Amino acid sequence: MLKTIPTLGHRIALTLGGLWLALCQPDPARAEDEPAIGRLNTAGYRTSEMCTATLIAPDRALTAAHCVTRPEDGYLKRLTDMVFVAGWNGSSHSGASRIKAVHVHPKAFSGGQFDLRHDIAVVDLNEPLAPAPLPIGSIALPGPLTLMGYRRSRPHRLTVTPLCYGTETSSIWRIACRVEPGQSGGPVLIGNGAARRIVGVIVAVTRDEEALVVPVDDWLRRQIAPTR
């Protein structure tokens, strides 16, 4: 896992993020509020092995590369075991589909080593889903940002954490908001309502439970361009 340097700016961002986090704790979202964000189950419909993914086209979803590959060698997990369930709330969803193809960032595995800085992937769904996809965008840190994902401690409800701030080190964002396993692949958003944009993907959690995020890059933009 990459290490960050605790610069003065980094400490200030963490302090500010901690203040906002104290004022606005994460809350579970209703499925109908976030129909484009869902669970990516990697061992079938009913499994504890999961990540988060987001529709970026009716038939494509964005997630983390380590969710769909084996970290020891970079080979894909079995496609027949992967299912995306959009808007999952424990009893219903806004659409579900198996996965027919996976596109992993070409730099996610380099020289036989996994590179967290490029830990993103796009999955192709067997069939298009109804929820409106979320567009991508860009932002200059520190924020504010909103983190979303399905936590291991609350796997059947989407958790939304707003008003997060962070810094960048070695092409990785460190965001001063708490995350858990299961939120990998979850979107990092800016804006509100129709102006919302995906600007990054949650890929790891630090020892102090803060998020490490891969920002949107040109490879991802090219993946989306043909579907626009």
C-alpha atoms as a PDB file:
ATOM      1  CA  MET A   1       0.000   0.000   0.000  1.00  0.00           C
ATOM      2  CA  LEU A   2       1.293   3.459  -0.848  1.00  0.00           C
ATOM      3  CA  LYS A   3       2.428   5.720   1.960  1.00  0.00           C
ATOM      4  CA  THR A   4       1.664   9.424   2.208  1.00  0.00           C
ATOM      5  CA  ILE A   5       3.918  12.149   3.562  1.00  0.00           C
ATOM      6  CA  PRO A   6       2.364  14.065   6.484  1.00  0.00           C
ATOM      7  CA  THR A   7       3.025  17.559   5.162  1.00  0.00           C
ATOM      8  CA  LEU A   8       1.598  20.622   6.853  1.00  0.00           C
ATOM      9  CA  GLY A   9      -1.050  20.912   4.142  1.00  0.00           C
ATOM     10  CA  HIS A  10      -1.968  17.279   4.674  1.00  0.00           C
ATOM     11  CA  ARG A  11      -2.436  17.797   8.414  1.00  0.00           C
ATOM     12  CA  ILE A  12      -4.618  20.846   7.799  1.00  0.00           C
ATOM     13  CA  ALA A  13      -6.810  18.933   5.360  1.00  0.00           C
ATOM     14  CA  LEU A  14      -7.223  16.073   7.809  1.00  0.00           C
ATOM     15  CA  THR A  15      -8.179  18.480  10.581  1.00  0.00           C
ATOM     16  CA  LEU A  16     -10.751  20.197   8.392  1.00  0.00           C
ATOM     17  CA  GLY A  17     -12.097  16.864   7.177  1.00  0.00           C
ATOM     18  CA  GLY A  18     -12.343  15.630  10.761  1.00  0.00           C
ATOM     19  CA  LEU A  19     -14.341  18.720  11.719  1.00  0.00           C
ATOM     20  CA  TRP A  20     -16.822  18.196   8.916  1.00  0.00           C
ATOM     21  CA  LEU A  21     -17.001  14.486   9.626  1.00  0.00           C
ATOM     22  CA  ALA A  22     -17.924  15.210  13.229  1.00  0.00           C
ATOM     23  CA  LEU A  23     -20.727  17.465  12.011  1.00  0.00           C
ATOM     24  CA  CYS A  24     -22.031  15.127   9.321  1.00  0.00           C
ATOM     25  CA  GLN A  25     -21.816  11.410  10.062  1.00  0.00           C
ATOM     26  CA  PRO A  26     -22.345   8.874   7.252  1.00  0.00           C
ATOM     27  CA  ASP A  27     -25.899   7.729   6.699  1.00  0.00           C
ATOM     28  CA  PRO A  28     -27.453   4.814   4.835  1.00  0.00           C
ATOM     29  CA  ALA A  29     -29.148   5.962   1.644  1.00  0.00           C
ATOM     30  CA  ARG A  30     -32.448   4.726   0.317  1.00  0.00           C
ATOM     31  CA  ALA A  31     -32.080   2.627  -2.843  1.00  0.00           C
ATOM     32  CA  GLU A  32     -34.467   4.865  -4.749  1.00  0.00           C
ATOM     33  CA  ASP A  33     -32.209   7.839  -3.976  1.00  0.00           C
ATOM     34  CA  GLU A  34     -29.112   6.296  -5.624  1.00  0.00           C
ATOM     35  CA  PRO A  35     -30.356   3.807  -8.246  1.00  0.00           C
ATOM     36  CA  ALA A  36     -27.133   3.918 -10.316  1.00  0.00           C
ATOM     37  CA  ILE A  37     -24.889   2.785  -7.448  1.00  0.00           C
ATOM     38  CA  GLY A  38     -24.947  -0.846  -6.406  1.00  0.00           C
ATOM     39  CA  ARG A  39     -23.197  -3.905  -5.084  1.00  0.00           C
ATOM     40  CA  LEU A  40     -20.812  -5.834  -7.270  1.00  0.00           C
ATOM     41  CA  ASN A  41     -21.010  -9.394  -6.003  1.00  0.00           C
ATOM     42  CA  THR A  42     -18.048 -11.441  -7.168  1.00  0.00           C
ATOM     43  CA  ALA A  43     -19.291 -14.876  -6.108  1.00  0.00           C
ATOM     44  CA  GLY A  44     -22.911 -14.825  -7.256  1.00  0.00           C
ATOM     45  CA  TYR A  45     -26.095 -13.075  -6.136  1.00  0.00           C
ATOM     46  CA  ARG A  46     -25.869 -13.990  -2.458  1.00  0.00           C
ATOM     47  CA  THR A  47     -22.342 -13.557  -1.141  1.00  0.00           C
ATOM     48  CA  SER A  48     -20.276 -11.688   1.409  1.00  0.00           C
ATOM     49  CA  GLU A  49     -17.540 -11.201  -1.202  1.00  0.00           C
ATOM     50  CA  MET A  50     -18.501  -7.841  -2.593  1.00  0.00           C
ATOM     51  CA  CYS A  51     -17.447  -4.406  -3.759  1.00  0.00           C
ATOM     52  CA  THR A  52     -19.307  -1.317  -4.936  1.00  0.00           C
ATOM     53  CA  ALA A  53     -19.811  -0.229  -8.555  1.00  0.00           C
ATOM     54  CA  THR A  54     -21.545   2.632 -10.366  1.00  0.00           C
ATOM     55  CA  LEU A  55     -23.322   2.815 -13.707  1.00  0.00           C
ATOM     56  CA  ILE A  56     -21.420   5.075 -16.114  1.00  0.00           C
ATOM     57  CA  ALA A  57     -23.487   3.885 -19.092  1.00  0.00           C
ATOM     58  CA  PRO A  58     -26.676   1.792 -19.251  1.00  0.00           C
ATOM     59  CA  ASP A  59     -24.562  -1.332 -19.800  1.00  0.00           C
ATOM     60  CA  ARG A  60     -21.271  -0.416 -18.068  1.00  0.00           C
ATOM     61  CA  ALA A  61     -20.231   0.067 -14.457  1.00  0.00           C
ATOM     62  CA  LEU A  62     -17.129   1.530 -12.830  1.00  0.00           C
ATOM     63  CA  THR A  63     -15.367  -0.258  -9.962  1.00  0.00           C
ATOM     64  CA  ALA A  64     -11.904  -1.026  -8.565  1.00  0.00           C
ATOM     65  CA  ALA A  65      -9.567  -3.350 -10.464  1.00  0.00           C
ATOM     66  CA  HIS A  66      -8.794  -5.456  -7.380  1.00  0.00           C
ATOM     67  CA  CYS A  67     -12.518  -6.263  -7.100  1.00  0.00           C
ATOM     68  CA  VAL A  68     -12.515  -8.171 -10.383  1.00  0.00           C
ATOM     69  CA  THR A  69      -8.968  -9.562 -10.467  1.00  0.00           C
ATOM     70  CA  ARG A  70      -6.704 -11.726  -8.354  1.00  0.00           C
ATOM     71  CA  PRO A  71      -4.170  -9.382  -6.730  1.00  0.00           C
ATOM     72  CA  GLU A  72      -1.417 -11.990  -6.734  1.00  0.00           C
ATOM     73  CA  ASP A  73      -1.274 -12.284 -10.534  1.00  0.00           C
ATOM     74  CA  GLY A  74      -3.790  -9.891 -12.110  1.00  0.00           C
ATOM     75  CA  TYR A  75      -5.895 -12.617 -13.696  1.00  0.00           C
ATOM     76  CA  LEU A  76      -9.627 -11.987 -13.845  1.00  0.00           C
ATOM     77  CA  LYS A  77     -11.954 -13.618 -11.385  1.00  0.00           C
ATOM     78  CA  ARG A  78     -14.601 -15.829 -12.988  1.00  0.00           C
ATOM     79  CA  LEU A  79     -17.060 -13.731 -14.978  1.00  0.00           C
ATOM     80  CA  THR A  80     -19.836 -16.222 -14.294  1.00  0.00           C
ATOM     81  CA  ASP A  81     -19.567 -15.385 -10.577  1.00  0.00           C
ATOM     82  CA  MET A  82     -19.925 -11.616 -11.028  1.00  0.00           C
ATOM     83  CA  VAL A  83     -23.274  -9.859 -10.623  1.00  0.00           C
ATOM     84  CA  PHE A  84     -24.006  -6.138 -10.430  1.00  0.00           C
ATOM     85  CA  VAL A  85     -27.092  -5.247  -8.367  1.00  0.00           C
ATOM     86  CA  ALA A  86     -27.964  -1.561  -8.744  1.00  0.00           C
ATOM     87  CA  GLY A  87     -29.746   0.302  -5.961  1.00  0.00           C
ATOM     88  CA  TRP A  88     -29.634  -2.662  -3.575  1.00  0.00           C
ATOM     89  CA  ASN A  89     -31.348  -1.992  -0.227  1.00  0.00           C
ATOM     90  CA  GLY A  90     -31.584  -5.461   1.275  1.00  0.00           C
ATOM     91  CA  SER A  91     -34.949  -6.364  -0.210  1.00  0.00           C
ATOM     92  CA  SER A  92     -35.184  -4.751  -3.647  1.00  0.00           C
ATOM     93  CA  HIS A  93     -33.046  -3.169  -6.342  1.00  0.00           C
ATOM     94  CA  SER A  94     -33.265  -0.956  -9.412  1.00  0.00           C
ATOM     95  CA  GLY A  95     -31.778  -3.529 -11.781  1.00  0.00           C
ATOM     96  CA  ALA A  96     -29.381  -6.466 -11.853  1.00  0.00           C
ATOM     97  CA  SER A  97     -27.175  -8.057 -14.473  1.00  0.00           C
ATOM     98  CA  ARG A  98     -24.381 -10.554 -14.801  1.00  0.00           C
ATOM     99  CA  ILE A  99     -21.053  -9.406 -16.204  1.00  0.00           C
ATOM    100  CA  LYS A 100     -19.986 -10.318 -19.734  1.00  0.00           C
ATOM    101  CA  ALA A 101     -16.603  -8.559 -19.929  1.00  0.00           C
ATOM    102  CA  VAL A 102     -14.107  -6.688 -17.764  1.00  0.00           C
ATOM    103  CA  HIS A 103     -11.738  -3.893 -18.797  1.00  0.00           C
ATOM    104  CA  VAL A 104      -8.908  -3.392 -16.303  1.00  0.00           C
ATOM    105  CA  HIS A 105      -6.729  -0.296 -16.389  1.00  0.00           C
ATOM    106  CA  PRO A 106      -3.647  -1.285 -18.446  1.00  0.00           C
ATOM    107  CA  LYS A 107      -1.320   0.007 -15.719  1.00  0.00           C
ATOM    108  CA  ALA A 108      -3.053  -1.750 -12.822  1.00  0.00           C
ATOM    109  CA  PHE A 109      -0.452  -4.534 -13.027  1.00  0.00           C
ATOM    110  CA  SER A 110       3.055  -3.544 -14.018  1.00  0.00           C
ATOM    111  CA  GLY A 111       6.099  -5.801 -13.911  1.00  0.00           C
ATOM    112  CA  GLY A 112       4.148  -8.434 -12.027  1.00  0.00           C
ATOM    113  CA  GLN A 113       3.199  -5.952  -9.301  1.00  0.00           C
ATOM    114  CA  PHE A 114      -0.173  -4.458  -8.468  1.00  0.00           C
ATOM    115  CA  ASP A 115      -0.182  -0.652  -8.756  1.00  0.00           C
ATOM    116  CA  LEU A 116      -2.760   0.992  -6.508  1.00  0.00           C
ATOM    117  CA  ARG A 117      -2.490   4.240  -8.485  1.00  0.00           C
ATOM    118  CA  HIS A 118      -4.376   2.618 -11.372  1.00  0.00           C
ATOM    119  CA  ASP A 119      -6.762   0.399  -9.424  1.00  0.00           C
ATOM    120  CA  ILE A 120      -9.828   0.977 -11.605  1.00  0.00           C
ATOM    121  CA  ALA A 121     -11.846  -1.189 -13.969  1.00  0.00           C
ATOM    122  CA  VAL A 122     -14.990  -1.048 -16.089  1.00  0.00           C
ATOM    123  CA  VAL A 123     -17.357  -4.009 -16.316  1.00  0.00           C
ATOM    124  CA  ASP A 124     -19.714  -4.651 -19.236  1.00  0.00           C
ATOM    125  CA  LEU A 125     -23.178  -5.838 -18.244  1.00  0.00           C
ATOM    126  CA  ASN A 126     -25.059  -8.596 -20.023  1.00  0.00           C
ATOM    127  CA  GLU A 127     -27.994  -6.242 -20.449  1.00  0.00           C
ATOM    128  CA  PRO A 128     -28.550  -2.487 -20.031  1.00  0.00           C
ATOM    129  CA  LEU A 129     -30.190  -1.279 -16.835  1.00  0.00           C
ATOM    130  CA  ALA A 130     -32.825   1.430 -16.450  1.00  0.00           C
ATOM    131  CA  PRO A 131     -31.227   3.853 -13.934  1.00  0.00           C
ATOM    132  CA  ALA A 132     -29.614   6.964 -15.393  1.00  0.00           C
ATOM    133  CA  PRO A 133     -25.804   6.596 -15.382  1.00  0.00           C
ATOM    134  CA  LEU A 134     -23.634   9.063 -13.490  1.00  0.00           C
ATOM    135  CA  PRO A 135     -21.271  11.217 -15.584  1.00  0.00           C
ATOM    136  CA  ILE A 136     -17.603  11.683 -14.783  1.00  0.00           C
ATOM    137  CA  GLY A 137     -15.760  14.919 -14.115  1.00  0.00           C
ATOM    138  CA  SER A 138     -12.716  16.376 -12.399  1.00  0.00           C
ATOM    139  CA  ILE A 139     -11.904  18.498  -9.357  1.00  0.00           C
ATOM    140  CA  ALA A 140      -8.988  20.199  -7.682  1.00  0.00           C
ATOM    141  CA  LEU A 141      -8.578  19.012  -4.103  1.00  0.00           C
ATOM    142  CA  PRO A 142      -9.275  19.451  -1.219  1.00  0.00           C
ATOM    143  CA  GLY A 143     -13.009  19.169  -1.978  1.00  0.00           C
ATOM    144  CA  PRO A 144     -15.727  18.956  -0.775  1.00  0.00           C
ATOM    145  CA  LEU A 145     -16.370  15.372  -1.886  1.00  0.00           C
ATOM    146  CA  THR A 146     -19.021  12.748  -1.202  1.00  0.00           C
ATOM    147  CA  LEU A 147     -18.038   9.087  -0.718  1.00  0.00           C
ATOM    148  CA  MET A 148     -20.491   6.236  -1.328  1.00  0.00           C
ATOM    149  CA  GLY A 149     -20.305   2.480  -0.923  1.00  0.00           C
ATOM    150  CA  TYR A 150     -21.618  -0.711   0.646  1.00  0.00           C
ATOM    151  CA  ARG A 151     -19.758  -1.275   3.894  1.00  0.00           C
ATOM    152  CA  ARG A 152     -19.004  -4.735   5.226  1.00  0.00           C
ATOM    153  CA  SER A 153     -20.632  -3.738   8.524  1.00  0.00           C
ATOM    154  CA  ARG A 154     -23.797  -2.636   6.671  1.00  0.00           C
ATOM    155  CA  PRO A 155     -23.727  -4.619   3.419  1.00  0.00           C
ATOM    156  CA  HIS A 156     -27.372  -4.183   2.444  1.00  0.00           C
ATOM    157  CA  ARG A 157     -27.601  -0.395   2.611  1.00  0.00           C
ATOM    158  CA  LEU A 158     -25.608   2.164   0.685  1.00  0.00           C
ATOM    159  CA  THR A 159     -23.593   4.445   2.976  1.00  0.00           C
ATOM    160  CA  VAL A 160     -23.190   8.080   1.925  1.00  0.00           C
ATOM    161  CA  THR A 161     -20.520  10.289   3.525  1.00  0.00           C
ATOM    162  CA  PRO A 162     -20.641  13.955   2.428  1.00  0.00           C
ATOM    163  CA  LEU A 163     -18.362  16.922   3.082  1.00  0.00           C
ATOM    164  CA  CYS A 164     -15.068  15.041   2.805  1.00  0.00           C
ATOM    165  CA  TYR A 165     -11.720  16.681   2.097  1.00  0.00           C
ATOM    166  CA  GLY A 166      -8.315  15.341   1.112  1.00  0.00           C
ATOM    167  CA  THR A 167      -4.886  15.735  -0.433  1.00  0.00           C
ATOM    168  CA  GLU A 168      -2.942  14.045  -3.230  1.00  0.00           C
ATOM    169  CA  THR A 169       0.318  12.125  -2.904  1.00  0.00           C
ATOM    170  CA  SER A 170       1.888  10.087  -5.736  1.00  0.00           C
ATOM    171  CA  SER A 171      -1.323  10.230  -7.822  1.00  0.00           C
ATOM    172  CA  ILE A 172      -3.419   8.843  -4.947  1.00  0.00           C
ATOM    173  CA  TRP A 173      -5.963  10.891  -3.035  1.00  0.00           C
ATOM    174  CA  ARG A 174      -6.162  10.462   0.709  1.00  0.00           C
ATOM    175  CA  ILE A 175      -9.613  11.516   1.897  1.00  0.00           C
ATOM    176  CA  ALA A 176     -10.229  12.297   5.561  1.00  0.00           C
ATOM    177  CA  CYS A 177     -13.490  10.368   5.882  1.00  0.00           C
ATOM    178  CA  ARG A 178     -14.011   6.908   7.334  1.00  0.00           C
ATOM    179  CA  VAL A 179     -14.445   3.935   4.994  1.00  0.00           C
ATOM    180  CA  GLU A 180     -14.587   0.152   5.402  1.00  0.00           C
ATOM    181  CA  PRO A 181     -13.949  -2.940   3.270  1.00  0.00           C
ATOM    182  CA  GLY A 182     -16.807  -3.359   0.802  1.00  0.00           C
ATOM    183  CA  GLN A 183     -16.653   0.281  -0.218  1.00  0.00           C
ATOM    184  CA  SER A 184     -13.867  -0.504  -2.695  1.00  0.00           C
ATOM    185  CA  GLY A 185     -15.017   0.524  -6.149  1.00  0.00           C
ATOM    186  CA  GLY A 186     -17.423   3.081  -4.715  1.00  0.00           C
ATOM    187  CA  PRO A 187     -17.743   6.480  -6.365  1.00  0.00           C
ATOM    188  CA  VAL A 188     -16.290   9.733  -5.119  1.00  0.00           C
ATOM    189  CA  LEU A 189     -18.578  12.556  -6.227  1.00  0.00           C
ATOM    190  CA  ILE A 190     -18.662  16.319  -6.520  1.00  0.00           C
ATOM    191  CA  GLY A 191     -21.716  18.518  -6.874  1.00  0.00           C
ATOM    192  CA  ASN A 192     -25.383  17.964  -6.206  1.00  0.00           C
ATOM    193  CA  GLY A 193     -28.411  16.878  -8.193  1.00  0.00           C
ATOM    194  CA  ALA A 194     -27.984  16.966 -11.964  1.00  0.00           C
ATOM    195  CA  ALA A 195     -24.557  18.595 -11.551  1.00  0.00           C
ATOM    196  CA  ARG A 196     -23.054  15.573  -9.779  1.00  0.00           C
ATOM    197  CA  ARG A 197     -19.966  14.004 -11.305  1.00  0.00           C
ATOM    198  CA  ILE A 198     -17.793  10.989 -10.475  1.00  0.00           C
ATOM    199  CA  VAL A 199     -14.246  12.222  -9.887  1.00  0.00           C
ATOM    200  CA  GLY A 200     -12.646   9.152  -8.319  1.00  0.00           C
ATOM    201  CA  VAL A 201     -12.974   5.569  -7.113  1.00  0.00           C
ATOM    202  CA  ILE A 202     -12.414   4.298  -3.563  1.00  0.00           C
ATOM    203  CA  VAL A 203      -9.672   1.655  -3.698  1.00  0.00           C
ATOM    204  CA  ALA A 204      -8.314   1.132  -0.178  1.00  0.00           C
ATOM    205  CA  VAL A 205      -8.580   2.051   3.476  1.00  0.00           C
ATOM    206  CA  THR A 206      -5.674   3.288   5.589  1.00  0.00           C
ATOM    207  CA  ARG A 207      -4.874   1.986   9.055  1.00  0.00           C
ATOM    208  CA  ASP A 208      -6.772   4.926  10.502  1.00  0.00           C
ATOM    209  CA  GLU A 209      -9.790   4.064   8.301  1.00  0.00           C
ATOM    210  CA  GLU A 210      -9.437   6.937   5.844  1.00  0.00           C
ATOM    211  CA  ALA A 211     -10.083   6.453   2.138  1.00  0.00           C
ATOM    212  CA  LEU A 212      -7.490   6.088  -0.591  1.00  0.00           C
ATOM    213  CA  VAL A 213      -8.936   7.115  -3.941  1.00  0.00           C
ATOM    214  CA  VAL A 214      -7.860   6.819  -7.582  1.00  0.00           C
ATOM    215  CA  PRO A 215      -8.932   9.945  -9.496  1.00  0.00           C
ATOM    216  CA  VAL A 216     -10.611   9.761 -12.895  1.00  0.00           C
ATOM    217  CA  ASP A 217      -7.975   9.634 -15.651  1.00  0.00           C
ATOM    218  CA  ASP A 218      -7.754   9.716 -19.448  1.00  0.00           C
ATOM    219  CA  TRP A 219      -8.021   5.921 -19.751  1.00  0.00           C
ATOM    220  CA  LEU A 220     -11.408   5.992 -18.042  1.00  0.00           C
ATOM    221  CA  ARG A 221     -12.572   8.894 -20.193  1.00  0.00           C
ATOM    222  CA  ARG A 222     -11.710   6.877 -23.297  1.00  0.00           C
ATOM    223  CA  GLN A 223     -13.695   3.926 -21.965  1.00  0.00           C
ATOM    224  CA  ILE A 224     -16.770   6.108 -21.670  1.00  0.00           C
ATOM    225  CA  ALA A 225     -16.373   8.144 -24.858  1.00  0.00           C
ATOM    226  CA  PRO A 226     -17.756   5.506 -27.301  1.00  0.00           C
ATOM    227  CA  THR A 227     -20.977   5.202 -25.266  1.00  0.00           C
ATOM    228  CA  ARG A 228     -21.806   8.910 -25.225  1.00  0.00           C
END
